[in-house]
Amino acid sequence: MTARPAPAPSVLGVFAHPDDESLLAGGTLARHAATGAHTAVVTTTWAPDSHRAPELAEALRILGAAEPRMLGYADAHVPRSAPGRTRLLDAPPDEVVARLVRHVRELRPDVVITHDGYGQLTGHPDHVRTHRATLLAVHAAGLEHLHPEAGEPWRPGALYLATHPHSGVGELGALLRGVGKTVRSVPDEHVTATVDVRPWLDRKWSAIAAHRSEAERERPLPGILSRLPAETRDRILATEWYTRLALRPTPGHEDSLTA
């Protein structure tokens, strides 16, 4: 009998919109879940009673992740995403951070994944705000005197920023520019993890396609990808890139910042 591989580190993804989790880290989430590791996603915008909530739930089920956790703020550009509720961009930063701290401390993930500092290729303002709030929340979650009402302190081992290197933009960049979107990538040397997710491509694409309301539209990325030949789409989705930020101290003690 072949021994089952040891579970990979548990993962918490924090993303701005339903579908970001599948597009940016779907293969990584599926890969970790396949080993028995716990995976979960917090989505900062769109209300739990919106039409996109069941799409998100289906996508997470396909990827093997836990039930959706939605903060329920309104999308910067879509008021109907959370009628009568505060936009993420207008919410008090400390409020958003405190809510994320609660999720980090409850789930106690080994690894947290979120957007990079650009807010991915298109620089969506909700992506940028989610990136900033997650950086603060992951740090605060490990400090006992910050947000004590949110549970016992927990410090994840690493924070990974989902990104695209200059060399990895390729066909996707041309497609985004074709619908009038910006393209912002990072120097290749900023990438510390390159993940080949081809073994999980079927799950990743099925999760993206589960966001049907986006796949039916022209400009959102799920819609762009759905109109491509499968071979082209697979090339675009086969690799996921990350920049790792270490959060736990390394052994030893430095006596200089230049050591």
Protein backbone atom coordinates (compact mmCIF):
# COMPACT_ATOMS: atom_id res chain seq x y z
CA MET A 1 0.00 0.00 0.00
CA THR A 2 1.34 3.42 -0.96
CA ALA A 3 1.62 5.79 1.99
CA ARG A 4 -0.41 8.97 1.73
CA PRO A 5 1.87 12.03 1.59
CA ALA A 6 2.03 14.16 4.71
CA PRO A 7 -0.37 17.10 4.63
CA ALA A 8 1.01 20.30 3.18
CA PRO A 9 0.89 23.44 5.34
CA SER A 10 -2.59 24.80 5.99
CA VAL A 11 -3.47 27.82 3.85
CA LEU A 12 -5.68 30.86 4.28
CA GLY A 13 -6.29 32.98 1.20
CA VAL A 14 -7.47 36.56 1.64
CA PHE A 15 -8.76 38.05 -1.60
CA ALA A 16 -10.88 41.00 -2.63
CA HIS A 17 -13.57 39.47 -4.84
CA PRO A 18 -15.22 36.14 -5.51
CA ASP A 19 -13.17 34.53 -8.33
CA ASP A 20 -9.82 36.05 -7.23
CA GLU A 21 -9.12 32.92 -5.18
CA SER A 22 -9.58 30.64 -8.20
CA LEU A 23 -7.76 32.82 -10.72
CA LEU A 24 -4.73 33.64 -8.57
CA ALA A 25 -4.29 30.62 -6.29
CA GLY A 26 -6.75 27.96 -7.42
CA GLY A 27 -4.05 25.45 -8.27
CA THR A 28 -2.17 26.04 -5.03
CA LEU A 29 -5.34 25.68 -2.94
CA ALA A 30 -6.29 22.47 -4.76
CA ARG A 31 -2.76 21.10 -4.40
CA HIS A 32 -2.70 21.64 -0.63
CA ALA A 33 -6.24 20.34 -0.14
CA ALA A 34 -5.34 17.16 -2.05
CA THR A 35 -2.84 16.25 0.69
CA GLY A 36 -5.44 16.70 3.43
CA ALA A 37 -4.29 20.16 4.47
CA HIS A 38 -6.94 22.62 5.62
CA THR A 39 -7.55 25.46 3.17
CA ALA A 40 -9.88 28.42 3.57
CA VAL A 41 -10.62 31.74 1.89
CA VAL A 42 -11.75 35.11 3.23
CA THR A 43 -13.30 37.41 0.61
CA THR A 44 -13.42 41.07 1.58
CA THR A 45 -16.13 42.35 -0.81
CA TRP A 46 -19.59 41.27 -1.95
CA ALA A 47 -22.35 40.39 0.48
CA PRO A 48 -23.06 36.83 1.67
CA ASP A 49 -26.59 37.21 0.29
CA SER A 50 -25.46 38.38 -3.17
CA HIS A 51 -25.69 36.24 -6.30
CA ARG A 52 -21.93 35.71 -6.25
CA ALA A 53 -21.91 34.02 -2.85
CA PRO A 54 -23.21 30.63 -4.09
CA GLU A 55 -20.79 30.82 -7.02
CA LEU A 56 -17.95 31.31 -4.55
CA ALA A 57 -19.20 28.41 -2.43
CA GLU A 58 -19.21 26.12 -5.48
CA ALA A 59 -15.71 27.22 -6.51
CA LEU A 60 -14.33 26.55 -3.02
CA ARG A 61 -16.00 23.14 -2.95
CA ILE A 62 -14.30 22.26 -6.23
CA LEU A 63 -10.93 23.38 -4.85
CA GLY A 64 -11.44 21.42 -1.63
CA ALA A 65 -11.53 24.52 0.56
CA ALA A 66 -13.80 25.30 3.50
CA GLU A 67 -17.05 27.27 3.32
CA PRO A 68 -16.83 30.93 2.21
CA ARG A 69 -15.99 33.64 4.71
CA MET A 70 -17.23 36.96 3.31
CA LEU A 71 -16.65 40.29 5.05
CA GLY A 72 -19.51 41.78 3.03
CA TYR A 73 -18.07 45.17 2.07
CA ALA A 74 -19.19 46.69 -1.21
CA ASP A 75 -17.02 46.48 -4.32
CA ALA A 76 -15.44 49.83 -5.23
CA HIS A 77 -17.15 49.83 -8.64
CA VAL A 78 -20.32 47.76 -8.04
CA PRO A 79 -22.81 49.23 -5.53
CA ARG A 80 -25.17 46.26 -5.96
CA SER A 81 -22.44 43.98 -4.58
CA ALA A 82 -23.58 44.91 -1.06
CA PRO A 83 -26.55 47.32 -1.16
CA GLY A 84 -26.57 49.79 1.70
CA ARG A 85 -23.22 48.59 3.03
CA THR A 86 -19.89 50.38 3.25
CA ARG A 87 -17.44 50.07 0.39
CA LEU A 88 -14.20 48.36 1.34
CA LEU A 89 -12.39 51.53 0.27
CA ASP A 90 -14.46 53.60 2.72
CA ALA A 91 -14.33 51.23 5.69
CA PRO A 92 -12.13 52.26 8.65
CA PRO A 93 -8.80 50.44 8.17
CA ASP A 94 -8.67 49.32 11.81
CA GLU A 95 -12.11 47.75 11.44
CA VAL A 96 -11.07 45.71 8.39
CA VAL A 97 -7.82 44.63 10.05
CA ALA A 98 -9.60 43.57 13.25
CA ARG A 99 -12.05 41.43 11.30
CA LEU A 100 -9.22 39.74 9.41
CA VAL A 101 -7.29 39.15 12.65
CA ARG A 102 -10.27 37.21 13.99
CA HIS A 103 -10.21 34.88 10.98
CA VAL A 104 -6.45 34.36 11.19
CA ARG A 105 -6.62 33.52 14.88
CA GLU A 106 -9.60 31.23 14.45
CA LEU A 107 -8.14 29.27 11.53
CA ARG A 108 -4.47 29.37 12.64
CA PRO A 109 -3.05 28.87 9.12
CA ASP A 110 0.58 28.04 8.45
CA VAL A 111 0.53 30.17 5.31
CA VAL A 112 -1.51 33.20 4.23
CA ILE A 113 -1.88 34.19 0.56
CA THR A 114 -3.11 37.58 -0.65
CA HIS A 115 -2.70 40.10 -3.47
CA ASP A 116 0.62 41.76 -4.20
CA GLY A 117 1.26 45.47 -3.67
CA TYR A 118 0.07 46.37 -7.16
CA GLY A 119 -3.23 44.62 -6.63
CA GLN A 120 -2.35 42.14 -9.39
CA LEU A 121 -1.98 42.98 -13.04
CA THR A 122 -4.97 45.31 -13.23
CA GLY A 123 -4.34 47.24 -10.01
CA HIS A 124 -7.96 47.07 -8.82
CA PRO A 125 -8.31 49.35 -5.76
CA ASP A 126 -10.07 46.61 -3.77
CA HIS A 127 -7.09 44.33 -4.40
CA VAL A 128 -4.69 46.99 -3.14
CA ARG A 129 -6.77 47.68 -0.02
CA THR A 130 -7.06 43.95 0.70
CA HIS A 131 -3.28 43.56 0.32
CA ARG A 132 -2.61 46.34 2.82
CA ALA A 133 -5.19 45.16 5.34
CA THR A 134 -3.89 41.59 5.18
CA LEU A 135 -0.29 42.64 5.79
CA LEU A 136 -1.37 44.52 8.90
CA ALA A 137 -3.71 41.76 10.08
CA VAL A 138 -1.16 38.97 9.76
CA HIS A 139 1.31 40.97 11.82
CA ALA A 140 -1.29 42.02 14.40
CA ALA A 141 -2.64 38.47 14.78
CA GLY A 142 0.60 37.41 16.47
CA LEU A 143 0.64 40.22 19.03
CA GLU A 144 -1.30 39.51 22.21
CA HIS A 145 -2.06 43.13 23.07
CA LEU A 146 -3.54 43.93 19.66
CA HIS A 147 -7.22 43.04 19.19
CA PRO A 148 -7.42 40.81 22.31
CA GLU A 149 -11.14 40.39 21.66
CA ALA A 150 -10.32 38.48 18.46
CA GLY A 151 -8.91 35.37 20.16
CA GLU A 152 -5.59 33.88 21.13
CA PRO A 153 -2.57 35.19 19.20
CA TRP A 154 -1.37 33.27 16.16
CA ARG A 155 1.53 34.03 13.85
CA PRO A 156 1.51 32.27 10.47
CA GLY A 157 4.84 31.03 9.17
CA ALA A 158 4.76 33.02 5.94
CA LEU A 159 2.75 35.42 3.87
CA TYR A 160 2.76 34.87 0.11
CA LEU A 161 1.81 37.62 -2.31
CA ALA A 162 0.21 36.30 -5.50
CA THR A 163 1.88 38.13 -8.37
CA HIS A 164 3.05 38.01 -11.99
CA PRO A 165 6.67 38.46 -13.09
CA HIS A 166 7.46 40.43 -16.22
CA SER A 167 8.34 37.18 -17.99
CA GLY A 168 5.04 35.57 -17.04
CA VAL A 169 2.62 38.15 -18.44
CA GLY A 170 2.79 36.98 -22.06
CA GLU A 171 -0.54 36.14 -23.66
CA LEU A 172 -2.52 37.24 -20.64
CA GLY A 173 -1.15 40.76 -20.80
CA ALA A 174 -2.21 41.15 -24.42
CA LEU A 175 -5.70 39.91 -23.61
CA LEU A 176 -6.09 42.35 -20.72
CA ARG A 177 -4.85 45.28 -22.76
CA GLY A 178 -7.31 44.25 -25.45
CA VAL A 179 -10.23 45.08 -23.16
CA GLY A 180 -8.67 48.30 -21.92
CA LYS A 181 -7.10 47.06 -18.67
CA THR A 182 -3.72 47.96 -17.25
CA VAL A 183 -0.95 45.42 -16.81
CA ARG A 184 1.36 45.69 -13.79
CA SER A 185 3.93 42.99 -13.21
CA VAL A 186 7.03 42.73 -11.01
CA PRO A 187 10.70 42.08 -11.86
CA ASP A 188 11.39 38.37 -12.12
CA GLU A 189 13.77 38.47 -9.16
CA HIS A 190 10.89 39.48 -6.89
CA VAL A 191 9.30 36.06 -7.37
CA THR A 192 10.35 33.53 -4.73
CA ALA A 193 7.93 30.69 -5.54
CA THR A 194 6.90 29.41 -8.97
CA VAL A 195 4.21 26.75 -8.72
CA ASP A 196 3.42 24.39 -11.60
CA VAL A 197 -0.29 23.67 -11.15
CA ARG A 198 -0.86 21.61 -14.30
CA PRO A 199 -1.90 18.51 -12.28
CA TRP A 200 -4.75 20.60 -10.81
CA LEU A 201 -5.72 22.55 -13.93
CA ASP A 202 -9.07 20.81 -14.35
CA ARG A 203 -10.10 21.78 -10.83
CA LYS A 204 -8.74 25.28 -11.20
CA TRP A 205 -10.63 25.92 -14.43
CA SER A 206 -13.82 24.34 -13.08
CA ALA A 207 -13.59 26.66 -10.06
CA ILE A 208 -13.09 29.71 -12.29
CA ALA A 209 -16.01 28.66 -14.48
CA ALA A 210 -18.18 28.28 -11.37
CA HIS A 211 -18.19 32.08 -11.20
CA ARG A 212 -20.77 32.01 -13.96
CA SER A 213 -21.90 35.62 -13.71
CA GLU A 214 -18.34 36.74 -14.49
CA ALA A 215 -17.67 34.07 -17.12
CA GLU A 216 -20.68 35.32 -19.09
CA ARG A 217 -19.36 38.89 -19.31
CA GLU A 218 -16.86 40.31 -21.80
CA ARG A 219 -14.27 42.20 -19.70
CA PRO A 220 -13.82 40.12 -16.50
CA LEU A 221 -10.99 37.61 -16.71
CA PRO A 222 -13.23 34.52 -16.35
CA GLY A 223 -15.12 35.73 -19.43
CA ILE A 224 -11.93 36.38 -21.37
CA LEU A 225 -10.59 32.93 -20.51
CA SER A 226 -13.86 31.18 -21.35
CA ARG A 227 -13.64 32.40 -24.95
CA LEU A 228 -10.13 31.03 -25.49
CA PRO A 229 -9.14 27.65 -26.95
CA ALA A 230 -8.50 25.22 -24.09
CA GLU A 231 -4.82 24.89 -25.02
CA THR A 232 -4.25 28.65 -24.76
CA ARG A 233 -6.22 28.91 -21.54
CA ASP A 234 -4.23 26.08 -19.98
CA ARG A 235 -0.93 27.78 -20.82
CA ILE A 236 -2.09 30.94 -19.09
CA LEU A 237 -3.36 29.17 -15.97
CA ALA A 238 -0.64 26.51 -15.59
CA THR A 239 1.70 28.56 -13.38
CA GLU A 240 1.14 30.55 -10.22
CA TRP A 241 3.76 32.98 -8.89
CA TYR A 242 4.33 34.29 -5.38
CA THR A 243 6.60 36.56 -3.38
CA ARG A 244 7.23 35.16 0.10
CA LEU A 245 7.41 37.35 3.18
CA ALA A 246 8.83 35.48 6.20
CA LEU A 247 6.93 36.07 9.43
CA ARG A 248 8.58 33.76 11.95
CA PRO A 249 12.13 34.50 13.15
CA THR A 250 14.99 32.43 11.83
CA PRO A 251 17.26 30.64 14.34
CA GLY A 252 20.02 32.71 15.89
CA HIS A 253 20.26 36.35 16.83
CA GLU A 254 21.72 39.17 14.75
CA ASP A 255 23.72 41.99 16.25
CA SER A 256 23.40 44.18 13.18
CA LEU A 257 20.83 44.83 10.46
CA THR A 258 23.62 44.25 7.96
CA ALA A 259 24.68 40.87 9.41
